[in-house]
């Protein structure tokens, strides 16, 4: 079974953006210019990759120490079906707390799962 990998450079870029955003929020909160009622929670779209359905699932290596996962794909999509897996990274005050993986076929999300805290 093929396990797909997300682009590590794209993930690093998202983590850097989250940290920069957190720093800006912290600085502006001192000046009372920004509403920080979100508690510093931010979800950023990291990257999408092309994947292929194999035996009713798509298997992905997850970043940030979450390991690997095989997500179930409905039987109406046979082996060989082209799909897209997208990764969102959830952060609180710039620190990654979880990830969300979505798999879409023909632009329609068929499965979505979160890991950690999102």
N, C-alpha and C. Protein backbone atom coordinates (compact mmCIF):
# COMPACT_ATOMS: atom_id res chain seq x y z
N UNK A 1 0.84 -1.18 0.00
CA UNK A 1 0.00 0.00 0.00
C UNK A 1 0.89 1.25 0.00
N UNK A 2 0.65 2.14 -0.93
CA UNK A 2 1.41 3.38 -1.03
C UNK A 2 0.98 4.36 0.05
N UNK A 3 1.94 4.93 0.75
CA UNK A 3 1.69 6.00 1.72
C UNK A 3 2.24 7.30 1.12
N UNK A 4 1.38 8.32 1.06
CA UNK A 4 1.76 9.59 0.47
C UNK A 4 2.28 10.54 1.53
N UNK A 5 3.19 11.45 1.12
CA UNK A 5 3.78 12.43 2.02
C UNK A 5 3.38 13.84 1.61
N UNK A 6 3.10 14.68 2.60
CA UNK A 6 2.87 16.10 2.34
C UNK A 6 4.22 16.81 2.21
N UNK A 7 4.23 17.93 1.52
CA UNK A 7 5.44 18.71 1.28
C UNK A 7 5.92 19.36 2.57
N UNK A 8 7.09 18.97 3.03
CA UNK A 8 7.61 19.47 4.31
C UNK A 8 7.93 20.97 4.25
N UNK A 9 8.32 21.48 3.09
CA UNK A 9 8.59 22.92 2.97
C UNK A 9 7.30 23.72 3.13
N UNK A 10 6.21 23.24 2.58
CA UNK A 10 4.92 23.93 2.73
C UNK A 10 4.49 23.92 4.19
N UNK A 11 4.71 22.81 4.87
CA UNK A 11 4.35 22.71 6.29
C UNK A 11 5.19 23.69 7.12
N UNK A 12 6.49 23.74 6.85
CA UNK A 12 7.37 24.68 7.56
C UNK A 12 6.93 26.12 7.33
N UNK A 13 6.52 26.44 6.11
CA UNK A 13 6.06 27.78 5.78
C UNK A 13 4.80 28.15 6.57
N UNK A 14 3.89 27.22 6.69
CA UNK A 14 2.66 27.46 7.45
C UNK A 14 2.97 27.66 8.93
N UNK A 15 3.85 26.85 9.47
CA UNK A 15 4.22 26.99 10.88
C UNK A 15 4.87 28.35 11.14
N UNK A 16 5.69 28.80 10.21
CA UNK A 16 6.32 30.11 10.34
C UNK A 16 5.27 31.22 10.30
N UNK A 17 4.31 31.10 9.38
CA UNK A 17 3.25 32.11 9.28
C UNK A 17 2.42 32.16 10.56
N UNK A 18 2.13 31.01 11.15
CA UNK A 18 1.36 30.96 12.39
C UNK A 18 2.13 31.64 13.52
N UNK A 19 3.42 31.40 13.58
CA UNK A 19 4.24 32.03 14.63
C UNK A 19 4.30 33.54 14.45
N UNK A 20 4.44 33.99 13.21
CA UNK A 20 4.48 35.43 12.94
C UNK A 20 3.14 36.08 13.30
N UNK A 21 2.04 35.42 12.97
CA UNK A 21 0.72 35.94 13.29
C UNK A 21 0.55 36.03 14.81
N UNK A 22 0.98 35.02 15.52
CA UNK A 22 0.88 35.01 16.98
C UNK A 22 1.69 36.16 17.59
N UNK A 23 2.88 36.35 17.09
CA UNK A 23 3.72 37.45 17.58
C UNK A 23 3.04 38.79 17.35
N UNK A 24 2.46 38.98 16.18
CA UNK A 24 1.77 40.23 15.87
C UNK A 24 0.57 40.43 16.79
N UNK A 25 -0.19 39.36 17.05
CA UNK A 25 -1.33 39.46 17.96
C UNK A 25 -0.90 39.85 19.37
N UNK A 26 0.15 39.21 19.83
CA UNK A 26 0.63 39.50 21.18
C UNK A 26 1.09 40.95 21.30
N UNK A 27 1.77 41.45 20.28
CA UNK A 27 2.24 42.83 20.31
C UNK A 27 1.08 43.82 20.26
N UNK A 28 0.09 43.55 19.39
CA UNK A 28 -1.03 44.48 19.28
C UNK A 28 -1.95 44.41 20.48
N UNK A 29 -2.00 43.27 21.17
CA UNK A 29 -2.86 43.17 22.35
C UNK A 29 -2.35 44.07 23.47
N UNK A 30 -1.05 44.29 23.50
CA UNK A 30 -0.48 45.20 24.49
C UNK A 30 -0.99 46.62 24.23
N UNK A 31 -1.19 46.94 22.94
CA UNK A 31 -1.68 48.26 22.57
C UNK A 31 -3.21 48.32 22.51
N UNK A 32 -3.89 47.20 22.77
CA UNK A 32 -5.36 47.12 22.75
C UNK A 32 -5.95 47.48 21.38
N UNK A 33 -5.24 47.16 20.31
CA UNK A 33 -5.72 47.48 18.97
C UNK A 33 -6.35 46.29 18.25
N UNK A 34 -6.27 45.11 18.81
CA UNK A 34 -6.75 43.92 18.13
C UNK A 34 -7.63 43.10 19.05
N UNK A 35 -8.71 42.58 18.52
CA UNK A 35 -9.58 41.68 19.28
C UNK A 35 -8.90 40.31 19.33
N UNK A 36 -8.50 39.88 20.51
CA UNK A 36 -7.82 38.58 20.65
C UNK A 36 -8.75 37.56 21.31
N UNK A 37 -10.07 37.74 21.14
CA UNK A 37 -11.03 36.85 21.78
C UNK A 37 -10.97 35.42 21.25
N UNK A 38 -10.29 35.20 20.14
CA UNK A 38 -10.17 33.85 19.61
C UNK A 38 -9.26 32.98 20.47
N UNK A 39 -8.60 33.58 21.42
CA UNK A 39 -7.67 32.83 22.26
C UNK A 39 -6.42 32.41 21.51
N UNK A 40 -6.16 33.05 20.40
CA UNK A 40 -4.96 32.73 19.63
C UNK A 40 -5.10 31.52 18.73
N UNK A 41 -6.30 30.98 18.58
CA UNK A 41 -6.50 29.80 17.73
C UNK A 41 -6.50 30.22 16.26
N UNK A 42 -5.78 29.47 15.46
CA UNK A 42 -5.67 29.75 14.03
C UNK A 42 -5.52 28.44 13.28
N UNK A 43 -6.25 28.28 12.18
CA UNK A 43 -6.11 27.11 11.31
C UNK A 43 -5.65 27.60 9.95
N UNK A 44 -4.55 27.05 9.48
CA UNK A 44 -3.98 27.43 8.19
C UNK A 44 -3.95 26.24 7.26
N UNK A 45 -4.35 26.47 6.00
CA UNK A 45 -4.23 25.43 4.98
C UNK A 45 -2.77 25.27 4.61
N UNK A 46 -2.25 24.09 4.77
CA UNK A 46 -0.82 23.88 4.54
C UNK A 46 -0.51 23.49 3.11
N UNK A 47 -1.12 22.42 2.64
CA UNK A 47 -0.76 21.91 1.31
C UNK A 47 -1.75 20.84 0.88
N UNK A 48 -1.80 20.61 -0.41
CA UNK A 48 -2.60 19.51 -0.97
C UNK A 48 -1.69 18.67 -1.86
N UNK A 49 -1.99 17.39 -1.93
CA UNK A 49 -1.23 16.47 -2.78
C UNK A 49 -2.19 15.58 -3.56
N UNK A 50 -1.72 15.10 -4.69
CA UNK A 50 -2.50 14.15 -5.48
C UNK A 50 -2.28 12.75 -4.91
N UNK A 51 -3.37 12.02 -4.77
CA UNK A 51 -3.32 10.65 -4.24
C UNK A 51 -4.20 9.77 -5.11
N UNK A 52 -4.11 8.47 -4.89
CA UNK A 52 -4.93 7.50 -5.63
C UNK A 52 -5.58 6.55 -4.64
N UNK A 53 -6.86 6.29 -4.84
CA UNK A 53 -7.58 5.34 -4.00
C UNK A 53 -7.03 3.94 -4.27
N UNK A 54 -6.72 3.20 -3.20
CA UNK A 54 -6.26 1.83 -3.31
C UNK A 54 -7.02 0.98 -2.30
N UNK A 55 -7.75 -0.02 -2.79
CA UNK A 55 -8.48 -0.96 -1.94
C UNK A 55 -9.38 -0.23 -0.93
N UNK A 56 -10.08 0.80 -1.39
CA UNK A 56 -11.05 1.49 -0.55
C UNK A 56 -10.46 2.43 0.48
N UNK A 57 -9.21 2.86 0.27
CA UNK A 57 -8.60 3.78 1.23
C UNK A 57 -7.49 4.58 0.57
N UNK A 58 -7.11 5.64 1.28
CA UNK A 58 -5.95 6.45 0.91
C UNK A 58 -5.07 6.50 2.15
N UNK A 59 -3.80 6.15 1.99
CA UNK A 59 -2.87 6.11 3.12
C UNK A 59 -1.89 7.28 3.03
N UNK A 60 -1.72 7.96 4.18
CA UNK A 60 -0.93 9.19 4.22
C UNK A 60 0.00 9.17 5.43
N UNK A 61 1.22 9.65 5.23
CA UNK A 61 2.14 9.90 6.34
C UNK A 61 1.84 11.30 6.85
N UNK A 62 1.52 11.41 8.12
CA UNK A 62 1.15 12.68 8.72
C UNK A 62 2.37 13.39 9.31
N UNK A 63 2.40 14.71 9.26
CA UNK A 63 3.51 15.46 9.84
C UNK A 63 3.35 15.65 11.34
N UNK A 64 4.31 16.30 11.94
CA UNK A 64 4.27 16.73 13.34
C UNK A 64 4.14 15.58 14.33
N UNK A 65 4.66 14.41 13.94
CA UNK A 65 4.68 13.28 14.85
C UNK A 65 3.37 12.52 14.99
N UNK A 66 2.42 12.73 14.08
CA UNK A 66 1.14 12.03 14.17
C UNK A 66 1.15 10.67 13.50
N UNK A 67 2.25 10.27 12.87
CA UNK A 67 2.36 8.93 12.30
C UNK A 67 1.74 8.80 10.93
N UNK A 68 1.19 7.63 10.65
CA UNK A 68 0.56 7.33 9.36
C UNK A 68 -0.88 6.93 9.59
N UNK A 69 -1.70 7.14 8.58
CA UNK A 69 -3.11 6.78 8.67
C UNK A 69 -3.60 6.36 7.29
N UNK A 70 -4.52 5.41 7.29
CA UNK A 70 -5.24 5.05 6.07
C UNK A 70 -6.68 5.47 6.27
N UNK A 71 -7.16 6.39 5.44
CA UNK A 71 -8.53 6.89 5.56
C UNK A 71 -9.45 6.11 4.63
N UNK A 72 -10.64 5.74 5.12
CA UNK A 72 -11.57 4.96 4.29
C UNK A 72 -12.21 5.84 3.22
N UNK A 73 -12.34 5.28 2.03
CA UNK A 73 -12.98 5.97 0.91
C UNK A 73 -14.22 5.16 0.54
N UNK A 74 -15.38 5.82 0.34
CA UNK A 74 -16.60 5.09 -0.02
C UNK A 74 -16.40 4.18 -1.24
N UNK A 75 -17.07 3.06 -1.22
CA UNK A 75 -16.91 2.02 -2.25
C UNK A 75 -17.28 2.48 -3.65
N UNK A 76 -18.01 3.58 -3.77
CA UNK A 76 -18.36 4.06 -5.12
C UNK A 76 -17.15 4.58 -5.88
N UNK A 77 -16.02 4.75 -5.16
CA UNK A 77 -14.78 5.19 -5.79
C UNK A 77 -13.81 4.01 -5.82
N UNK A 78 -13.68 3.36 -6.96
CA UNK A 78 -12.86 2.14 -7.05
C UNK A 78 -11.36 2.44 -6.97
N UNK A 79 -10.58 1.38 -6.78
CA UNK A 79 -9.12 1.52 -6.80
C UNK A 79 -8.71 2.18 -8.10
N UNK A 80 -7.75 3.07 -8.01
CA UNK A 80 -7.26 3.80 -9.17
C UNK A 80 -7.89 5.18 -9.33
N UNK A 81 -8.93 5.47 -8.55
CA UNK A 81 -9.58 6.78 -8.64
C UNK A 81 -8.61 7.86 -8.16
N UNK A 82 -8.46 8.91 -8.97
CA UNK A 82 -7.61 10.04 -8.59
C UNK A 82 -8.33 10.86 -7.52
N UNK A 83 -7.58 11.30 -6.53
CA UNK A 83 -8.13 12.10 -5.44
C UNK A 83 -7.11 13.15 -5.02
N UNK A 84 -7.53 13.98 -4.09
CA UNK A 84 -6.64 15.01 -3.56
C UNK A 84 -6.74 14.99 -2.04
N UNK A 85 -5.59 14.97 -1.37
CA UNK A 85 -5.55 15.03 0.09
C UNK A 85 -5.00 16.40 0.48
N UNK A 86 -5.71 17.08 1.37
CA UNK A 86 -5.29 18.40 1.82
C UNK A 86 -5.06 18.38 3.33
N UNK A 87 -4.10 19.19 3.75
CA UNK A 87 -3.70 19.25 5.15
C UNK A 87 -3.90 20.67 5.67
N UNK A 88 -4.57 20.80 6.80
CA UNK A 88 -4.68 22.04 7.54
C UNK A 88 -3.95 21.84 8.86
N UNK A 89 -3.29 22.89 9.33
CA UNK A 89 -2.60 22.82 10.61
C UNK A 89 -3.29 23.75 11.59
N UNK A 90 -3.63 23.22 12.74
CA UNK A 90 -4.30 23.97 13.80
C UNK A 90 -3.25 24.43 14.80
N UNK A 91 -3.32 25.71 15.18
CA UNK A 91 -2.35 26.26 16.11
C UNK A 91 -3.07 27.06 17.19
N UNK A 92 -2.40 27.23 18.31
CA UNK A 92 -2.83 28.14 19.36
C UNK A 92 -1.62 28.98 19.73
N UNK A 93 -1.75 30.29 19.54
CA UNK A 93 -0.64 31.23 19.79
C UNK A 93 0.63 30.80 19.07
N UNK A 94 0.47 30.29 17.84
CA UNK A 94 1.63 29.94 17.01
C UNK A 94 2.19 28.56 17.24
N UNK A 95 1.65 27.83 18.21
CA UNK A 95 2.14 26.49 18.52
C UNK A 95 1.19 25.47 17.88
N UNK A 96 1.70 24.54 17.07
CA UNK A 96 0.82 23.54 16.45
C UNK A 96 0.18 22.64 17.51
N UNK A 97 -1.14 22.48 17.40
CA UNK A 97 -1.88 21.64 18.35
C UNK A 97 -2.57 20.46 17.68
N UNK A 98 -2.67 20.49 16.36
CA UNK A 98 -3.33 19.39 15.66
C UNK A 98 -3.31 19.61 14.16
N UNK A 99 -3.85 18.63 13.45
CA UNK A 99 -3.95 18.71 12.00
C UNK A 99 -5.30 18.19 11.56
N UNK A 100 -5.72 18.62 10.37
CA UNK A 100 -6.95 18.12 9.77
C UNK A 100 -6.61 17.68 8.36
N UNK A 101 -7.00 16.47 8.02
CA UNK A 101 -6.76 15.92 6.68
C UNK A 101 -8.11 15.73 6.00
N UNK A 102 -8.21 16.22 4.76
CA UNK A 102 -9.42 16.05 3.96
C UNK A 102 -9.03 15.37 2.65
N UNK A 103 -9.84 14.41 2.22
CA UNK A 103 -9.62 13.77 0.93
C UNK A 103 -10.84 14.06 0.06
N UNK A 104 -10.55 14.57 -1.14
CA UNK A 104 -11.62 14.93 -2.08
C UNK A 104 -11.47 14.15 -3.37
N UNK A 105 -12.62 13.82 -3.97
CA UNK A 105 -12.67 13.21 -5.29
C UNK A 105 -13.54 14.10 -6.15
N UNK A 106 -13.01 14.54 -7.28
CA UNK A 106 -13.73 15.42 -8.21
C UNK A 106 -14.26 16.66 -7.50
N UNK A 107 -13.46 17.20 -6.59
CA UNK A 107 -13.83 18.43 -5.89
C UNK A 107 -14.78 18.27 -4.73
N UNK A 108 -15.18 17.07 -4.42
CA UNK A 108 -16.12 16.81 -3.31
C UNK A 108 -15.39 16.10 -2.19
N UNK A 109 -15.45 16.65 -0.98
CA UNK A 109 -14.79 16.01 0.16
C UNK A 109 -15.53 14.73 0.51
N UNK A 110 -14.78 13.61 0.55
CA UNK A 110 -15.39 12.32 0.85
C UNK A 110 -15.03 11.81 2.24
N UNK A 111 -13.93 12.34 2.82
CA UNK A 111 -13.56 11.97 4.19
C UNK A 111 -12.69 13.10 4.76
N UNK A 112 -12.89 13.31 6.04
CA UNK A 112 -12.12 14.33 6.76
C UNK A 112 -11.89 13.84 8.17
N UNK A 113 -10.66 13.98 8.66
CA UNK A 113 -10.36 13.54 10.02
C UNK A 113 -9.37 14.51 10.65
N UNK A 114 -9.57 14.75 11.96
CA UNK A 114 -8.64 15.59 12.68
C UNK A 114 -7.80 14.73 13.62
N UNK A 115 -6.60 15.21 13.92
CA UNK A 115 -5.67 14.55 14.82
C UNK A 115 -5.15 15.61 15.77
N UNK A 116 -5.07 15.29 17.04
CA UNK A 116 -4.68 16.29 18.01
C UNK A 116 -5.87 17.19 18.32
N UNK A 117 -5.59 18.46 18.58
CA UNK A 117 -6.63 19.40 18.96
C UNK A 117 -6.82 20.46 17.87
N UNK A 118 -7.99 20.42 17.23
CA UNK A 118 -8.33 21.42 16.20
C UNK A 118 -9.65 22.08 16.56
